[in-house]
Protein backbone atom coordinates (compact mmCIF):
# COMPACT_ATOMS: atom_id res chain seq x y z
CA MET A 1 -0.32 -30.10 -22.70
CA PRO A 2 -1.11 -27.05 -24.87
CA ASN A 3 0.04 -23.60 -23.81
CA THR A 4 -2.60 -21.99 -21.61
CA ARG A 5 -0.83 -18.67 -21.13
CA ILE A 6 -1.15 -15.74 -23.50
CA PHE A 7 1.20 -12.75 -23.27
CA ARG A 8 0.53 -9.93 -25.74
CA LYS A 9 -0.04 -6.19 -26.13
CA ILE A 10 -3.36 -4.95 -24.80
CA ASN A 11 -6.10 -4.63 -27.40
CA THR A 12 -8.67 -1.84 -27.87
CA VAL A 13 -11.22 -3.43 -25.49
CA GLU A 14 -8.65 -3.78 -22.71
CA THR A 15 -7.40 -0.25 -23.38
CA LYS A 16 -10.97 1.03 -22.98
CA LEU A 17 -11.40 -0.82 -19.65
CA ILE A 18 -8.19 0.72 -18.32
CA GLU A 19 -9.21 4.14 -19.66
CA ASN A 20 -12.59 3.93 -17.88
CA THR A 21 -10.87 3.24 -14.56
CA PHE A 22 -8.38 6.06 -15.15
CA ASN A 23 -11.28 8.45 -15.83
CA THR A 24 -13.09 7.52 -12.61
CA ILE A 25 -9.98 8.27 -10.56
CA SER A 26 -8.81 11.45 -12.30
CA ALA A 27 -8.98 13.20 -15.66
CA ASP A 28 -5.20 13.69 -15.40
CA LEU A 29 -4.71 9.93 -15.53
CA SER A 30 -6.49 9.53 -18.85
CA LEU A 31 -4.03 11.96 -20.42
CA ILE A 32 -1.06 9.72 -19.61
CA LEU A 33 -2.76 6.55 -20.86
CA GLU A 34 -2.03 7.69 -24.41
CA ASP A 35 1.70 7.56 -23.60
CA LEU A 36 1.45 4.27 -21.71
CA LYS A 37 -0.82 2.15 -23.89
CA ASN A 38 1.97 1.10 -26.27
CA LEU A 39 3.93 -0.17 -23.27
CA LEU A 40 1.11 -2.21 -21.69
CA TYR A 41 0.93 -5.98 -22.14
CA ILE A 42 -1.57 -8.49 -20.81
CA LEU A 43 -0.93 -11.96 -19.40
CA ILE A 44 -3.92 -14.28 -19.57
CA ASN A 45 -3.84 -17.67 -17.86
CA GLU A 46 -6.40 -20.03 -19.36
CA SER A 47 -5.45 -23.08 -17.31
CA ILE A 48 -8.28 -25.41 -16.35
CA THR A 49 -6.91 -25.87 -12.83
CA GLN A 50 -6.18 -22.22 -12.10
CA LYS A 51 -8.16 -19.20 -13.24
CA ASP A 52 -6.36 -15.91 -12.68
CA TYR A 53 -7.53 -12.43 -13.53
CA PRO A 54 -5.65 -11.06 -16.55
CA SER A 55 -2.53 -9.22 -15.38
CA ILE A 56 -1.31 -5.99 -16.97
CA TYR A 57 2.43 -5.31 -17.24
CA LEU A 58 4.35 -2.19 -18.24
CA ILE A 59 7.10 -3.26 -20.64
CA THR A 60 9.94 -0.97 -21.72
CA ASP A 61 10.85 -0.47 -25.38
CA LYS A 62 14.05 -2.44 -24.82
CA GLN A 63 12.12 -5.40 -23.39
CA GLN A 64 9.65 -5.22 -26.29
CA LYS A 65 12.50 -5.53 -28.80
CA LEU A 66 13.69 -8.67 -27.00
CA PHE A 67 10.20 -10.18 -27.30
CA ASN A 68 9.92 -9.27 -30.97
CA ASN A 69 13.34 -10.74 -31.79
CA SER A 70 12.73 -14.12 -30.19
CA ASN A 71 10.03 -16.69 -29.71
CA ILE A 72 9.85 -16.54 -25.92
CA THR A 73 6.46 -14.89 -25.36
CA SER A 74 4.79 -18.30 -24.96
CA ARG A 75 7.04 -19.02 -21.96
CA ILE A 76 6.68 -15.68 -20.16
CA TYR A 77 5.13 -15.74 -16.69
CA ALA A 78 5.80 -12.08 -15.90
CA ALA A 79 7.84 -9.27 -17.41
CA GLY A 80 8.48 -5.63 -16.74
CA LEU A 81 6.52 -3.87 -14.02
CA TYR A 82 3.31 -5.43 -12.70
CA PHE A 83 0.86 -2.58 -13.35
CA GLY A 84 -2.46 -4.10 -12.27
CA PHE A 85 -5.17 -6.53 -13.34
CA LEU A 86 -8.58 -6.70 -15.00
CA LYS A 87 -11.57 -8.07 -13.12
CA LYS A 88 -15.22 -8.01 -14.22
CA GLY A 89 -14.69 -5.15 -16.66
CA ASP A 90 -12.64 -2.96 -14.31
CA PHE A 91 -8.92 -2.26 -14.08
CA TYR A 92 -7.32 -2.45 -10.63
CA PHE A 93 -3.95 -0.78 -10.06
CA SER A 94 -1.13 -2.67 -8.44
CA ILE A 95 0.84 -0.86 -5.78
CA GLU A 96 3.83 -1.03 -8.12
CA GLY A 97 1.76 0.71 -10.79
CA VAL A 98 0.76 3.46 -8.37
CA ALA A 99 4.38 3.86 -7.22
CA TYR A 100 5.51 4.15 -10.86
CA LEU A 101 2.93 6.86 -11.59
CA TYR A 102 3.74 8.64 -8.31
CA LYS A 103 7.43 8.77 -9.22
CA LYS A 104 6.44 10.19 -12.61
CA GLY A 105 4.54 12.96 -10.80
CA ILE A 106 1.07 11.62 -11.64
CA PHE A 107 -0.37 10.73 -8.22
CA THR A 108 1.13 13.73 -6.41
CA GLY A 109 -2.24 15.51 -6.32
CA PHE A 110 -3.97 12.63 -4.59
CA ASN A 111 -4.64 12.61 -0.87
CA ARG A 112 -1.71 11.20 1.02
CA VAL A 113 -2.07 9.62 4.45
CA PHE A 114 0.96 8.89 6.61
CA LEU A 115 0.77 6.10 9.19
CA ASN A 116 2.67 5.70 12.42
CA GLU A 117 4.80 2.60 12.99
CA SER A 118 2.07 0.48 14.55
CA GLY A 119 -0.37 1.62 11.86
CA GLU A 120 2.06 0.58 9.15
CA LYS A 121 2.34 -2.91 10.59
CA SER A 122 -1.42 -3.29 11.00
CA PHE A 123 -2.09 -1.98 7.48
CA LEU A 124 0.45 -4.39 5.96
CA TYR A 125 -1.40 -7.25 7.70
CA GLY A 126 -4.47 -6.26 5.67
CA ASN A 127 -6.36 -4.31 8.32
CA ASN A 128 -8.30 -1.11 7.76
CA ILE A 129 -6.80 2.15 9.03
CA LEU A 130 -7.97 3.31 12.44
CA LYS A 131 -7.78 6.92 13.58
CA ARG A 132 -5.01 6.13 16.10
CA MET A 133 -2.79 4.82 13.28
CA VAL A 134 -2.79 8.08 11.32
CA ARG A 135 0.23 10.33 11.79
CA LYS A 136 -0.75 12.88 9.14
CA SER A 137 -3.77 13.32 6.86
CA PRO A 138 -4.79 15.95 4.29
CA ASN A 139 -6.78 19.05 5.29
CA THR A 140 -9.10 18.61 2.31
CA LEU A 141 -10.19 15.07 3.12
CA LYS A 142 -13.65 13.98 1.96
CA GLU A 143 -15.47 10.72 2.52
CA LYS A 144 -14.76 8.14 -0.23
CA ASP A 145 -11.58 9.93 -1.37
CA PHE A 146 -8.91 7.77 -3.03
CA LEU A 147 -5.89 7.65 -0.69
CA VAL A 148 -2.25 6.76 -1.21
CA ILE A 149 -0.91 5.36 2.07
CA PHE A 150 2.69 6.07 3.18
CA ASN A 151 4.93 5.11 6.09
CA ASN A 152 7.34 7.35 8.04
CA PHE A 153 9.97 6.96 5.30
CA ASP A 154 7.73 8.29 2.50
CA GLU A 155 7.36 4.79 1.00
CA ILE A 156 4.04 3.79 -0.53
CA LEU A 157 2.40 1.04 1.50
CA GLY A 158 -0.85 0.78 -0.38
CA LEU A 159 -4.15 2.32 -1.34
CA GLY A 160 -7.27 3.16 0.61
CA ILE A 161 -10.66 4.86 0.53
CA SER A 162 -11.49 7.39 3.24
CA ARG A 163 -14.48 6.71 5.48
CA VAL A 164 -14.55 10.22 6.95
CA ASP A 165 -14.16 13.86 5.98
CA ASN A 166 -12.48 16.68 7.86
CA GLU A 167 -15.72 17.75 9.58
CA THR A 168 -16.32 14.30 11.14
CA LEU A 169 -12.65 13.48 11.77
CA SER A 170 -12.57 15.18 15.17
CA ASP A 171 -15.59 13.12 16.31
CA LEU A 172 -13.81 9.81 15.66
CA LYS A 173 -12.64 7.69 18.58
CA PRO A 174 -9.11 6.23 18.33
CA ASP A 175 -10.42 2.78 17.33
CA ASP A 176 -12.89 4.06 14.71
CA ILE A 177 -12.17 3.31 11.05
CA PHE A 178 -10.49 6.19 9.25
CA ALA A 179 -10.04 4.45 5.87
CA ILE A 180 -10.67 1.13 4.16
CA ASN A 181 -7.67 -0.89 2.99
CA ILE A 182 -8.07 -1.48 -0.75
CA LYS A 183 -4.63 -2.94 -1.38
CA ASP A 184 -1.40 -3.14 0.57
CA LYS A 185 2.12 -4.46 -0.01
CA GLY A 186 1.53 -7.24 2.50
CA GLN A 187 -0.98 -8.91 0.15
CA TYR A 188 1.94 -10.34 -1.79
CA LEU A 189 2.97 -12.39 1.25
CA ARG A 190 -0.60 -13.34 2.20
CA LYS A 191 -1.51 -14.43 -1.33
CA LYS A 192 -2.05 -18.14 -1.86
CA GLN A 193 0.96 -19.46 -3.76
């Protein structure tokens, strides 16, 4: 059976798709894409039985040298840090990608929401965030803000979009939706294998 997996550096079209997503989130993000684009690779699965969205990986210089010095790229299923994926012309960050950028000081300006213990568990099961789950939220919250979700230990749990702003926050009942779950670390376990 012919190889149905392609693992290569991202091309100009894929770079543009990622850049467009970066620009919609923050102008600061587009500045770092210039540094990252030489480290980004794409994995495309063209299998007839399984159609996956193209995955984007962040590959270190050392790993790139290994690829260039051997003929293993046709057998690679994943390498480096899973950074996100492309779907219908848009780039979607992985939680690992967000955590990488956060550690590099990129996502520090984004709104951070801290969940209590029961909120963490519920969020990791794929549920939206209810008001009663929120331990701490930003004072500058606006509806439809991009949120980075944390637990009590300052670990990134996932990403969300706020459904409220600070003016309407006090009107929420405990079981009202505070934010929509975009992606959480629990998706890895819930994903069909």
